[in-house]
PDB file of N, CA and C in Angstrom:
ATOM      1  N   MET A   1       0.895  -1.002  -0.192  1.00  0.00           N
ATOM      2  CA  MET A   1      -0.010   0.139  -0.272  1.00  0.00           C
ATOM      3  C   MET A   1       0.984   1.425   0.159  1.00  0.00           C
ATOM      4  N   ARG A   2       0.281   2.272  -0.878  1.00  0.00           N
ATOM      5  CA  ARG A   2       1.634   3.422  -0.994  1.00  0.00           C
ATOM      6  C   ARG A   2       0.669   4.194  -0.091  1.00  0.00           C
ATOM      7  N   HIS A   3       1.691   5.067   0.992  1.00  0.00           N
ATOM      8  CA  HIS A   3       1.004   6.054   1.479  1.00  0.00           C
ATOM      9  C   HIS A   3       1.668   7.350   1.337  1.00  0.00           C
ATOM     10  N   VAL A   4       0.989   8.606   0.944  1.00  0.00           N
ATOM     11  CA  VAL A   4       1.244   9.491   0.146  1.00  0.00           C
ATOM     12  C   VAL A   4       0.366  10.649   1.016  1.00  0.00           C
ATOM     13  N   LEU A   5       1.237  11.606   1.053  1.00  0.00           N
ATOM     14  CA  LEU A   5       0.879  13.016   1.857  1.00  0.00           C
ATOM     15  C   LEU A   5       0.431  14.113   0.531  1.00  0.00           C
ATOM     16  N   LEU A   6      -1.124  14.107   0.553  1.00  0.00           N
ATOM     17  CA  LEU A   6      -1.399  15.396  -0.309  1.00  0.00           C
ATOM     18  C   LEU A   6      -1.472  16.623   0.602  1.00  0.00           C
ATOM     19  N   ALA A   7      -0.659  17.500   0.064  1.00  0.00           N
ATOM     20  CA  ALA A   7      -0.869  18.627   0.583  1.00  0.00           C
ATOM     21  C   ALA A   7      -1.473  19.672  -0.941  1.00  0.00           C
ATOM     22  N   LEU A   8      -2.247  20.295  -0.458  1.00  0.00           N
ATOM     23  CA  LEU A   8      -3.054  21.795  -1.305  1.00  0.00           C
ATOM     24  C   LEU A   8      -2.197  22.926  -1.164  1.00  0.00           C
ATOM     25  N   LEU A   9      -1.136  22.875  -2.019  1.00  0.00           N
ATOM     26  CA  LEU A   9      -0.290  24.175  -2.385  1.00  0.00           C
ATOM     27  C   LEU A   9      -0.995  25.764  -2.626  1.00  0.00           C
ATOM     28  N   LEU A  10      -1.133  26.503  -1.569  1.00  0.00           N
ATOM     29  CA  LEU A  10      -1.930  27.514  -2.008  1.00  0.00           C
ATOM     30  C   LEU A  10      -1.089  28.806  -2.001  1.00  0.00           C
ATOM     31  N   VAL A  11       0.112  28.064  -1.425  1.00  0.00           N
ATOM     32  CA  VAL A  11       1.124  29.570  -1.725  1.00  0.00           C
ATOM     33  C   VAL A  11       1.776  29.977  -2.666  1.00  0.00           C
ATOM     34  N   ALA A  12       2.445  28.821  -3.614  1.00  0.00           N
ATOM     35  CA  ALA A  12       3.222  29.000  -4.649  1.00  0.00           C
ATOM     36  C   ALA A  12       1.868  28.680  -5.940  1.00  0.00           C
ATOM     37  N   THR A  13       1.218  27.469  -5.797  1.00  0.00           N
ATOM     38  CA  THR A  13       0.732  27.072  -7.032  1.00  0.00           C
ATOM     39  C   THR A  13      -0.882  26.465  -6.359  1.00  0.00           C
ATOM     40  N   PRO A  14      -1.675  26.657  -7.499  1.00  0.00           N
ATOM     41  CA  PRO A  14      -2.963  25.798  -7.337  1.00  0.00           C
ATOM     42  C   PRO A  14      -3.487  24.500  -6.974  1.00  0.00           C
ATOM     43  N   ALA A  15      -2.214  23.680  -7.837  1.00  0.00           N
ATOM     44  CA  ALA A  15      -2.320  22.868  -8.010  1.00  0.00           C
ATOM     45  C   ALA A  15      -1.524  21.618  -6.846  1.00  0.00           C
ATOM     46  N   ALA A  16      -1.979  20.395  -6.942  1.00  0.00           N
ATOM     47  CA  ALA A  16      -2.041  19.488  -5.416  1.00  0.00           C
ATOM     48  C   ALA A  16      -0.607  19.032  -5.765  1.00  0.00           C
ATOM     49  N   ALA A  17       0.157  18.484  -4.705  1.00  0.00           N
ATOM     50  CA  ALA A  17       1.528  17.731  -4.424  1.00  0.00           C
ATOM     51  C   ALA A  17       2.070  16.882  -4.561  1.00  0.00           C
ATOM     52  N   ASP A  18       1.952  15.373  -4.586  1.00  0.00           N
ATOM     53  CA  ASP A  18       2.026  14.358  -3.530  1.00  0.00           C
ATOM     54  C   ASP A  18       3.790  14.589  -3.264  1.00  0.00           C
ATOM     55  N   MET A  19       3.673  14.172  -1.950  1.00  0.00           N
ATOM     56  CA  MET A  19       4.836  14.193  -0.911  1.00  0.00           C
ATOM     57  C   MET A  19       5.052  12.676  -0.149  1.00  0.00           C
ATOM     58  N   ALA A  20       5.259  11.805  -0.578  1.00  0.00           N
ATOM     59  CA  ALA A  20       5.424  10.683  -0.134  1.00  0.00           C
ATOM     60  C   ALA A  20       6.856  10.597   0.750  1.00  0.00           C
ATOM     61  N   GLY A  21       6.160   9.774   2.030  1.00  0.00           N
ATOM     62  CA  GLY A  21       7.821   9.618   3.104  1.00  0.00           C
ATOM     63  C   GLY A  21       7.223   8.824   3.976  1.00  0.00           C
ATOM     64  N   HIS A  22       5.898   8.506   4.617  1.00  0.00           N
ATOM     65  CA  HIS A  22       5.261   8.578   6.101  1.00  0.00           C
ATOM     66  C   HIS A  22       5.373   6.694   5.419  1.00  0.00           C
ATOM     67  N   GLY A  23       5.530   5.961   6.258  1.00  0.00           N
ATOM     68  CA  GLY A  23       5.278   4.579   6.338  1.00  0.00           C
ATOM     69  C   GLY A  23       4.079   3.957   6.910  1.00  0.00           C
ATOM     70  N   GLY A  24       2.902   4.875   7.116  1.00  0.00           N
ATOM     71  CA  GLY A  24       1.783   4.739   7.581  1.00  0.00           C
ATOM     72  C   GLY A  24       0.956   5.695   7.272  1.00  0.00           C
ATOM     73  N   MET A  25      -0.416   6.018   7.935  1.00  0.00           N
ATOM     74  CA  MET A  25      -1.187   7.303   8.270  1.00  0.00           C
ATOM     75  C   MET A  25      -0.768   8.686   8.268  1.00  0.00           C
ATOM     76  N   VAL A  26      -1.040   9.676   8.061  1.00  0.00           N
ATOM     77  CA  VAL A  26      -0.921  11.095   8.266  1.00  0.00           C
ATOM     78  C   VAL A  26      -2.124  11.717   8.885  1.00  0.00           C
ATOM     79  N   ARG A  27      -1.518  11.971  10.446  1.00  0.00           N
ATOM     80  CA  ARG A  27      -2.923  12.135  11.064  1.00  0.00           C
ATOM     81  C   ARG A  27      -2.878  13.656  11.115  1.00  0.00           C
ATOM     82  N   GLY A  28      -1.789  14.229  11.157  1.00  0.00           N
ATOM     83  CA  GLY A  28      -1.772  15.927  11.565  1.00  0.00           C
ATOM     84  C   GLY A  28      -1.004  16.495   9.997  1.00  0.00           C
ATOM     85  N   LEU A  29      -1.370  17.564  10.051  1.00  0.00           N
ATOM     86  CA  LEU A  29      -0.637  18.694   8.827  1.00  0.00           C
ATOM     87  C   LEU A  29      -0.643  20.224   8.974  1.00  0.00           C
ATOM     88  N   CYS A  30       0.523  20.972   8.783  1.00  0.00           N
ATOM     89  CA  CYS A  30       0.364  21.943   9.091  1.00  0.00           C
ATOM     90  C   CYS A  30       0.854  22.897   8.331  1.00  0.00           C
ATOM     91  N   VAL A  31       0.997  23.746   8.137  1.00  0.00           N
ATOM     92  CA  VAL A  31       1.838  24.917   7.412  1.00  0.00           C
ATOM     93  C   VAL A  31       2.399  26.036   7.954  1.00  0.00           C
ATOM     94  N   SER A  32       3.867  26.351   7.753  1.00  0.00           N
ATOM     95  CA  SER A  32       4.541  27.609   8.547  1.00  0.00           C
ATOM     96  C   SER A  32       3.784  28.983   8.432  1.00  0.00           C
ATOM     97  N   PRO A  33       3.493  30.085   9.341  1.00  0.00           N
ATOM     98  CA  PRO A  33       3.107  31.397   9.068  1.00  0.00           C
ATOM     99  C   PRO A  33       3.653  31.734   8.377  1.00  0.00           C
ATOM    100  N   ASP A  34       4.917  31.495   7.757  1.00  0.00           N
ATOM    101  CA  ASP A  34       5.629  32.286   6.407  1.00  0.00           C
ATOM    102  C   ASP A  34       5.267  31.144   5.464  1.00  0.00           C
ATOM    103  N   GLY A  35       4.924  30.425   5.306  1.00  0.00           N
ATOM    104  CA  GLY A  35       4.291  29.562   4.208  1.00  0.00           C
ATOM    105  C   GLY A  35       5.908  28.848   3.476  1.00  0.00           C
ATOM    106  N   GLY A  36       6.698  28.651   4.380  1.00  0.00           N
ATOM    107  CA  GLY A  36       7.880  28.178   3.935  1.00  0.00           C
ATOM    108  C   GLY A  36       7.914  26.691   4.063  1.00  0.00           C
ATOM    109  N   MET A  37       7.050  25.999   5.046  1.00  0.00           N
ATOM    110  CA  MET A  37       7.183  24.433   4.878  1.00  0.00           C
ATOM    111  C   MET A  37       6.063  23.946   5.564  1.00  0.00           C
ATOM    112  N   VAL A  38       6.015  22.285   5.340  1.00  0.00           N
ATOM    113  CA  VAL A  38       5.072  22.143   5.817  1.00  0.00           C
ATOM    114  C   VAL A  38       5.367  21.050   6.722  1.00  0.00           C
ATOM    115  N   ALA A  39       4.565  20.486   7.985  1.00  0.00           N
ATOM    116  CA  ALA A  39       5.012  19.367   8.868  1.00  0.00           C
ATOM    117  C   ALA A  39       3.675  18.338   8.721  1.00  0.00           C
ATOM    118  N   SER A  40       4.344  17.394   9.033  1.00  0.00           N
ATOM    119  CA  SER A  40       3.250  16.759   8.749  1.00  0.00           C
ATOM    120  C   SER A  40       3.488  15.460   9.984  1.00  0.00           C
ATOM    121  N   ALA A  41       2.604  14.917  10.832  1.00  0.00           N
ATOM    122  CA  ALA A  41       2.703  13.651  11.966  1.00  0.00           C
ATOM    123  C   ALA A  41       1.910  12.711  11.561  1.00  0.00           C
ATOM    124  N   GLY A  42       3.208  11.587  11.482  1.00  0.00           N
ATOM    125  CA  GLY A  42       2.489  10.533  11.035  1.00  0.00           C
ATOM    126  C   GLY A  42       2.418   9.283  11.950  1.00  0.00           C
ATOM    127  N   PHE A  43       1.399   7.826  11.754  1.00  0.00           N
ATOM    128  CA  PHE A  43       1.013   6.676  12.738  1.00  0.00           C
ATOM    129  C   PHE A  43       2.794   6.397  12.612  1.00  0.00           C
ATOM    130  N   ASP A  44       3.861   6.161  11.425  1.00  0.00           N
ATOM    131  CA  ASP A  44       4.711   5.423  12.144  1.00  0.00           C
ATOM    132  C   ASP A  44       5.842   6.380  12.582  1.00  0.00           C
ATOM    133  N   TYR A  45       5.672   6.660  13.731  1.00  0.00           N
ATOM    134  CA  TYR A  45       5.759   7.856  14.988  1.00  0.00           C
ATOM    135  C   TYR A  45       7.091   8.823  14.978  1.00  0.00           C
ATOM    136  N   THR A  46       6.742   9.608  13.279  1.00  0.00           N
ATOM    137  CA  THR A  46       7.780  10.391  12.782  1.00  0.00           C
ATOM    138  C   THR A  46       7.213  11.766  12.441  1.00  0.00           C
ATOM    139  N   LEU A  47       7.661  12.557  12.667  1.00  0.00           N
ATOM    140  CA  LEU A  47       7.678  14.009  12.113  1.00  0.00           C
ATOM    141  C   LEU A  47       8.218  14.547  11.114  1.00  0.00           C
ATOM    142  N   ARG A  48       7.354  14.808  10.011  1.00  0.00           N
ATOM    143  CA  ARG A  48       8.479  15.066   8.801  1.00  0.00           C
ATOM    144  C   ARG A  48       8.361  16.320   8.382  1.00  0.00           C
ATOM    145  N   ILE A  49       9.143  17.102   7.666  1.00  0.00           N
ATOM    146  CA  ILE A  49       9.618  18.132   7.309  1.00  0.00           C
ATOM    147  C   ILE A  49       9.453  18.670   6.051  1.00  0.00           C
ATOM    148  N   TRP A  50       8.528  19.441   5.419  1.00  0.00           N
ATOM    149  CA  TRP A  50       9.099  19.378   3.781  1.00  0.00           C
ATOM    150  C   TRP A  50       8.940  20.862   3.547  1.00  0.00           C
ATOM    151  N   SER A  51       9.787  21.508   2.195  1.00  0.00           N
ATOM    152  CA  SER A  51       9.928  22.703   2.530  1.00  0.00           C
ATOM    153  C   SER A  51       8.881  23.000   1.104  1.00  0.00           C
ATOM    154  N   LEU A  52       8.551  23.848   1.157  1.00  0.00           N
ATOM    155  CA  LEU A  52       7.432  24.763   0.381  1.00  0.00           C
ATOM    156  C   LEU A  52       8.203  25.811  -0.333  1.00  0.00           C
ATOM    157  N   PRO A  53       7.588  26.464  -1.664  1.00  0.00           N
ATOM    158  CA  PRO A  53       7.011  25.434  -2.629  1.00  0.00           C
ATOM    159  C   PRO A  53       7.995  24.264  -3.166  1.00  0.00           C
ATOM    160  N   ASP A  54       8.324  23.776  -3.174  1.00  0.00           N
ATOM    161  CA  ASP A  54       9.129  23.201  -4.060  1.00  0.00           C
ATOM    162  C   ASP A  54       8.791  21.563  -3.291  1.00  0.00           C
ATOM    163  N   GLN A  55       8.311  21.036  -2.379  1.00  0.00           N
ATOM    164  CA  GLN A  55       7.891  20.164  -1.854  1.00  0.00           C
ATOM    165  C   GLN A  55       9.162  19.229  -2.047  1.00  0.00           C
ATOM    166  N   GLN A  56      10.094  19.496  -1.354  1.00  0.00           N
ATOM    167  CA  GLN A  56      11.121  18.028  -1.014  1.00  0.00           C
ATOM    168  C   GLN A  56      11.443  18.317   0.353  1.00  0.00           C
ATOM    169  N   PRO A  57      11.829  16.930   0.655  1.00  0.00           N
ATOM    170  CA  PRO A  57      11.560  16.565   2.608  1.00  0.00           C
ATOM    171  C   PRO A  57      12.749  17.310   2.377  1.00  0.00           C
ATOM    172  N   ARG A  58      13.169  17.368   4.009  1.00  0.00           N
ATOM    173  CA  ARG A  58      13.308  18.696   4.346  1.00  0.00           C
ATOM    174  C   ARG A  58      14.258  17.805   5.809  1.00  0.00           C
ATOM    175  N   ALA A  59      13.874  17.286   6.370  1.00  0.00           N
ATOM    176  CA  ALA A  59      13.702  16.384   8.026  1.00  0.00           C
ATOM    177  C   ALA A  59      12.933  15.110   8.069  1.00  0.00           C
ATOM    178  N   VAL A  60      13.343  14.575   9.161  1.00  0.00           N
ATOM    179  CA  VAL A  60      12.589  13.343   9.539  1.00  0.00           C
ATOM    180  C   VAL A  60      12.962  13.446  10.927  1.00  0.00           C
ATOM    181  N   LEU A  61      12.150  13.596  11.972  1.00  0.00           N
ATOM    182  CA  LEU A  61      11.750  14.000  13.260  1.00  0.00           C
ATOM    183  C   LEU A  61      11.692  12.558  14.191  1.00  0.00           C
ATOM    184  N   ASN A  62      13.000  12.172  14.696  1.00  0.00           N
ATOM    185  CA  ASN A  62      12.129  10.675  15.633  1.00  0.00           C
ATOM    186  C   ASN A  62      12.449  11.041  17.060  1.00  0.00           C
ATOM    187  N   GLY A  63      11.554  10.583  17.891  1.00  0.00           N
ATOM    188  CA  GLY A  63      11.430  10.516  19.119  1.00  0.00           C
ATOM    189  C   GLY A  63      10.299  10.120  20.203  1.00  0.00           C
ATOM    190  N   HIS A  64       9.365  10.221  19.403  1.00  0.00           N
ATOM    191  CA  HIS A  64       8.264   9.240  19.907  1.00  0.00           C
ATOM    192  C   HIS A  64       8.107   8.393  20.092  1.00  0.00           C
ATOM    193  N   ASP A  65       7.179   7.630  21.235  1.00  0.00           N
ATOM    194  CA  ASP A  65       7.100   6.088  20.933  1.00  0.00           C
ATOM    195  C   ASP A  65       5.959   5.946  20.650  1.00  0.00           C
ATOM    196  N   ALA A  66       5.394   6.471  20.397  1.00  0.00           N
ATOM    197  CA  ALA A  66       3.920   6.111  19.899  1.00  0.00           C
ATOM    198  C   ALA A  66       3.436   7.094  18.261  1.00  0.00           C
ATOM    199  N   PRO A  67       2.016   6.632  17.853  1.00  0.00           N
ATOM    200  CA  PRO A  67       1.996   6.997  16.484  1.00  0.00           C
ATOM    201  C   PRO A  67       1.779   8.315  17.148  1.00  0.00           C
ATOM    202  N   LEU A  68       2.021   9.176  16.162  1.00  0.00           N
ATOM    203  CA  LEU A  68       1.533  10.854  16.175  1.00  0.00           C
ATOM    204  C   LEU A  68       0.367  11.030  15.724  1.00  0.00           C
ATOM    205  N   ALA A  69      -0.201  11.922  16.652  1.00  0.00           N
ATOM    206  CA  ALA A  69      -1.967  12.316  16.541  1.00  0.00           C
ATOM    207  C   ALA A  69      -1.967  13.841  15.828  1.00  0.00           C
ATOM    208  N   ALA A  70      -1.255  14.319  16.166  1.00  0.00           N
ATOM    209  CA  ALA A  70      -1.473  15.926  15.814  1.00  0.00           C
ATOM    210  C   ALA A  70      -0.303  16.679  15.598  1.00  0.00           C
ATOM    211  N   VAL A  71       0.234  17.849  15.252  1.00  0.00           N
ATOM    212  CA  VAL A  71       0.935  18.554  15.111  1.00  0.00           C
ATOM    213  C   VAL A  71       0.488  20.129  14.630  1.00  0.00           C
ATOM    214  N   ALA A  72       1.289  20.898  15.002  1.00  0.00           N
ATOM    215  CA  ALA A  72       0.699  22.611  15.138  1.00  0.00           C
ATOM    216  C   ALA A  72       2.084  23.134  14.597  1.00  0.00           C
ATOM    217  N   CYS A  73       2.212  24.054  13.838  1.00  0.00           N
ATOM    218  CA  CYS A  73       3.550  25.018  13.570  1.00  0.00           C
ATOM    219  C   CYS A  73       3.581  26.419  14.172  1.00  0.00           C
ATOM    220  N   ALA A  74       4.300  26.315  14.829  1.00  0.00           N
ATOM    221  CA  ALA A  74       4.465  27.751  15.763  1.00  0.00           C
ATOM    222  C   ALA A  74       5.260  29.199  14.787  1.00  0.00           C
ATOM    223  N   GLY A  75       5.892  30.063  15.539  1.00  0.00           N
ATOM    224  CA  GLY A  75       6.513  30.838  15.141  1.00  0.00           C
ATOM    225  C   GLY A  75       7.715  30.782  14.575  1.00  0.00           C
ATOM    226  N   GLY A  76       8.512  30.976  13.504  1.00  0.00           N
ATOM    227  CA  GLY A  76       9.982  30.741  13.401  1.00  0.00           C
ATOM    228  C   GLY A  76      10.094  29.180  12.493  1.00  0.00           C
ATOM    229  N   ASP A  77      10.498  28.684  13.181  1.00  0.00           N
ATOM    230  CA  ASP A  77      11.338  27.327  12.744  1.00  0.00           C
ATOM    231  C   ASP A  77      10.497  25.893  13.622  1.00  0.00           C
ATOM    232  N   ARG A  78       9.846  26.574  14.859  1.00  0.00           N
ATOM    233  CA  ARG A  78       9.224  25.545  16.074  1.00  0.00           C
ATOM    234  C   ARG A  78       7.842  24.993  15.321  1.00  0.00           C
ATOM    235  N   VAL A  79       7.987  23.809  15.448  1.00  0.00           N
ATOM    236  CA  VAL A  79       7.018  22.639  15.442  1.00  0.00           C
ATOM    237  C   VAL A  79       6.718  21.989  16.822  1.00  0.00           C
ATOM    238  N   ILE A  80       5.095  21.823  16.953  1.00  0.00           N
ATOM    239  CA  ILE A  80       5.092  20.921  18.234  1.00  0.00           C
ATOM    240  C   ILE A  80       4.117  19.882  17.814  1.00  0.00           C
ATOM    241  N   SER A  81       4.463  18.796  18.230  1.00  0.00           N
ATOM    242  CA  SER A  81       3.890  16.997  18.040  1.00  0.00           C
ATOM    243  C   SER A  81       3.393  16.765  19.018  1.00  0.00           C
ATOM    244  N   ALA A  82       2.347  15.686  18.870  1.00  0.00           N
ATOM    245  CA  ALA A  82       1.670  15.196  20.020  1.00  0.00           C
ATOM    246  C   ALA A  82       1.307  13.627  19.648  1.00  0.00           C
ATOM    247  N   ASP A  83       1.537  12.768  20.497  1.00  0.00           N
ATOM    248  CA  ASP A  83       1.514  11.355  20.234  1.00  0.00           C
ATOM    249  C   ASP A  83      -0.139  10.480  20.926  1.00  0.00           C
ATOM    250  N   ASN A  84      -0.059   9.226  20.583  1.00  0.00           N
ATOM    251  CA  ASN A  84      -1.093   8.961  21.277  1.00  0.00           C
ATOM    252  C   ASN A  84      -1.003   8.209  22.596  1.00  0.00           C
ATOM    253  N   ASP A  85       0.014   8.804  23.652  1.00  0.00           N
ATOM    254  CA  ASP A  85       1.176   8.206  24.323  1.00  0.00           C
ATOM    255  C   ASP A  85       0.711   9.519  25.712  1.00  0.00           C
ATOM    256  N   GLY A  86       0.013  10.212  24.947  1.00  0.00           N
ATOM    257  CA  GLY A  86       0.212  11.982  25.861  1.00  0.00           C
ATOM    258  C   GLY A  86       1.619  12.828  25.916  1.00  0.00           C
ATOM    259  N   THR A  87       2.205  12.089  24.610  1.00  0.00           N
ATOM    260  CA  THR A  87       3.676  12.912  24.719  1.00  0.00           C
ATOM    261  C   THR A  87       3.656  14.030  23.785  1.00  0.00           C
ATOM    262  N   VAL A  88       3.995  15.298  24.481  1.00  0.00           N
ATOM    263  CA  VAL A  88       3.847  16.585  23.716  1.00  0.00           C
ATOM    264  C   VAL A  88       5.652  17.193  23.241  1.00  0.00           C
ATOM    265  N   MET A  89       6.300  16.988  22.512  1.00  0.00           N
ATOM    266  CA  MET A  89       7.412  17.722  21.915  1.00  0.00           C
ATOM    267  C   MET A  89       6.964  19.030  21.123  1.00  0.00           C
ATOM    268  N   PHE A  90       9.011  20.319  21.233  1.00  0.00           N
ATOM    269  CA  PHE A  90       8.805  20.876  20.488  1.00  0.00           C
ATOM    270  C   PHE A  90       9.939  20.636  20.244  1.00  0.00           C
ATOM    271  N   TRP A  91      10.200  21.377  18.330  1.00  0.00           N
ATOM    272  CA  TRP A  91      11.170  21.243  17.773  1.00  0.00           C
ATOM    273  C   TRP A  91      11.688  22.303  16.807  1.00  0.00           C
ATOM    274  N   ASP A  92      13.165  22.241  16.542  1.00  0.00           N
ATOM    275  CA  ASP A  92      13.485  23.147  15.411  1.00  0.00           C
ATOM    276  C   ASP A  92      13.211  22.267  14.296  1.00  0.00           C
ATOM    277  N   SER A  93      12.163  22.912  13.211  1.00  0.00           N
ATOM    278  CA  SER A  93      12.537  21.981  12.311  1.00  0.00           C
ATOM    279  C   SER A  93      13.387  22.866  11.121  1.00  0.00           C
ATOM    280  N   ALA A  94      14.392  23.226  11.869  1.00  0.00           N
ATOM    281  CA  ALA A  94      15.401  23.534  10.535  1.00  0.00           C
ATOM    282  C   ALA A  94      16.458  22.711  10.737  1.00  0.00           C
ATOM    283  N   ALA A  95      16.380  22.067  12.288  1.00  0.00           N
ATOM    284  CA  ALA A  95      17.267  20.858  12.126  1.00  0.00           C
ATOM    285  C   ALA A  95      17.351  19.362  11.428  1.00  0.00           C
ATOM    286  N   ALA A  96      18.020  18.595  10.601  1.00  0.00           N
ATOM    287  CA  ALA A  96      17.379  17.713   9.814  1.00  0.00           C
ATOM    288  C   ALA A  96      17.388  16.673  11.097  1.00  0.00           C
ATOM    289  N   GLU A  97      17.762  16.247  12.009  1.00  0.00           N
ATOM    290  CA  GLU A  97      17.914  15.510  13.162  1.00  0.00           C
ATOM    291  C   GLU A  97      17.905  15.873  14.375  1.00  0.00           C
ATOM    292  N   GLY A  98      17.504  15.072  15.269  1.00  0.00           N
ATOM    293  CA  GLY A  98      18.105  15.464  16.506  1.00  0.00           C
ATOM    294  C   GLY A  98      16.936  15.292  17.497  1.00  0.00           C
ATOM    295  N   PRO A  99      17.348  15.656  18.994  1.00  0.00           N
ATOM    296  CA  PRO A  99      16.347  15.448  19.658  1.00  0.00           C
ATOM    297  C   PRO A  99      15.554  17.110  19.682  1.00  0.00           C
ATOM    298  N   PRO A 100      14.413  16.779  20.376  1.00  0.00           N
ATOM    299  CA  PRO A 100      13.520  18.112  20.434  1.00  0.00           C
ATOM    300  C   PRO A 100      13.960  18.661  21.732  1.00  0.00           C
ATOM    301  N   LEU A 101      13.568  20.299  21.095  1.00  0.00           N
ATOM    302  CA  LEU A 101      13.820  20.987  21.936  1.00  0.00           C
ATOM    303  C   LEU A 101      13.492  20.815  23.175  1.00  0.00           C
ATOM    304  N   VAL A 102      11.973  20.736  23.690  1.00  0.00           N
ATOM    305  CA  VAL A 102      11.548  19.769  24.981  1.00  0.00           C
ATOM    306  C   VAL A 102      10.748  19.065  24.677  1.00  0.00           C
ATOM    307  N   GLU A 103      10.400  18.099  25.833  1.00  0.00           N
ATOM    308  CA  GLU A 103       9.685  17.045  25.562  1.00  0.00           C
ATOM    309  C   GLU A 103       9.163  16.948  26.960  1.00  0.00           C
ATOM    310  N   HIS A 104       7.543  16.533  26.836  1.00  0.00           N
ATOM    311  CA  HIS A 104       6.733  16.121  28.131  1.00  0.00           C
ATOM    312  C   HIS A 104       5.978  15.113  27.730  1.00  0.00           C
ATOM    313  N   ARG A 105       6.568  14.230  28.472  1.00  0.00           N
ATOM    314  CA  ARG A 105       6.225  13.132  28.361  1.00  0.00           C
ATOM    315  C   ARG A 105       5.431  12.726  29.764  1.00  0.00           C
ATOM    316  N   GLY A 106       3.964  11.940  29.614  1.00  0.00           N
ATOM    317  CA  GLY A 106       3.349  11.666  30.754  1.00  0.00           C
ATOM    318  C   GLY A 106       2.684  12.849  31.928  1.00  0.00           C
ATOM    319  N   VAL A 107       2.494  13.680  30.978  1.00  0.00           N
ATOM    320  CA  VAL A 107       1.824  14.652  31.337  1.00  0.00           C
ATOM    321  C   VAL A 107       0.669  14.491  31.087  1.00  0.00           C
ATOM    322  N   HIS A 108       0.139  13.940  30.318  1.00  0.00           N
ATOM    323  CA  HIS A 108      -1.175  13.728  29.732  1.00  0.00           C
ATOM    324  C   HIS A 108      -1.271  11.880  30.119  1.00  0.00           C
ATOM    325  N   ALA A 109      -2.477  12.010  30.481  1.00  0.00           N
ATOM    326  CA  ALA A 109      -3.016  10.637  30.928  1.00  0.00           C
ATOM    327  C   ALA A 109      -3.487   9.447  29.576  1.00  0.00           C
ATOM    328  N   GLY A 110      -3.582  10.491  28.774  1.00  0.00           N
ATOM    329  CA  GLY A 110      -3.622   9.414  27.017  1.00  0.00           C
ATOM    330  C   GLY A 110      -3.653  10.056  26.044  1.00  0.00           C
ATOM    331  N   ARG A 111      -4.406  10.380  24.936  1.00  0.00           N
ATOM    332  CA  ARG A 111      -3.931  10.128  23.244  1.00  0.00           C
ATOM    333  C   ARG A 111      -4.039  11.989  23.658  1.00  0.00           C
ATOM    334  N   VAL A 112      -3.048  13.162  22.805  1.00  0.00           N
ATOM    335  CA  VAL A 112      -3.401  14.077  22.798  1.00  0.00           C
ATOM    336  C   VAL A 112      -3.710  14.044  20.954  1.00  0.00           C
ATOM    337  N   THR A 113      -5.163  14.815  21.010  1.00  0.00           N
ATOM    338  CA  THR A 113      -5.391  14.806  19.060  1.00  0.00           C
ATOM    339  C   THR A 113      -5.664  16.182  18.853  1.00  0.00           C
ATOM    340  N   ASP A 114      -5.136  16.900  19.273  1.00  0.00           N
ATOM    341  CA  ASP A 114      -5.061  18.514  18.588  1.00  0.00           C
ATOM    342  C   ASP A 114      -3.827  19.648  19.848  1.00  0.00           C
ATOM    343  N   LEU A 115      -3.919  20.236  18.902  1.00  0.00           N
ATOM    344  CA  LEU A 115      -2.574  21.564  19.217  1.00  0.00           C
ATOM    345  C   LEU A 115      -2.698  22.629  18.839  1.00  0.00           C
TER     346      LEU A 115
END
C-alpha cells in the first residue's frame, strides 16, 4: 500500500502535490506562518518537515514512542507534535535530525488529539 501525503499548495500554485515519505497514515498537517514549510505527523512515529514551494523533504524528526496524533506550526522554525501516549514535543524544524528542544512525557493520561 502506498502512503502519500497530499497537500494543497496555496502558497505558490493551485495544483496539488504528492509528498511521499511516511510509512503509515498521516494524522496531522500544518503549514508554517511564512508558508515556507509543511510539517506532517505520522502513524509511523515520525514528524516530517517538507520545504515549500518545491515539496522536497527537509527533515525526519524521531523521538516519539507512539503514533503521532497532532502537529502545530508555531512562529519561526518551531513545530509542536503530540502522540497517542500523551507526549508533547517542541522541535526546531530547521534541524535535519536530533532530539526535540523540549519534551513532556506522561503529562497527559491519554492521547493528545489537537494542539
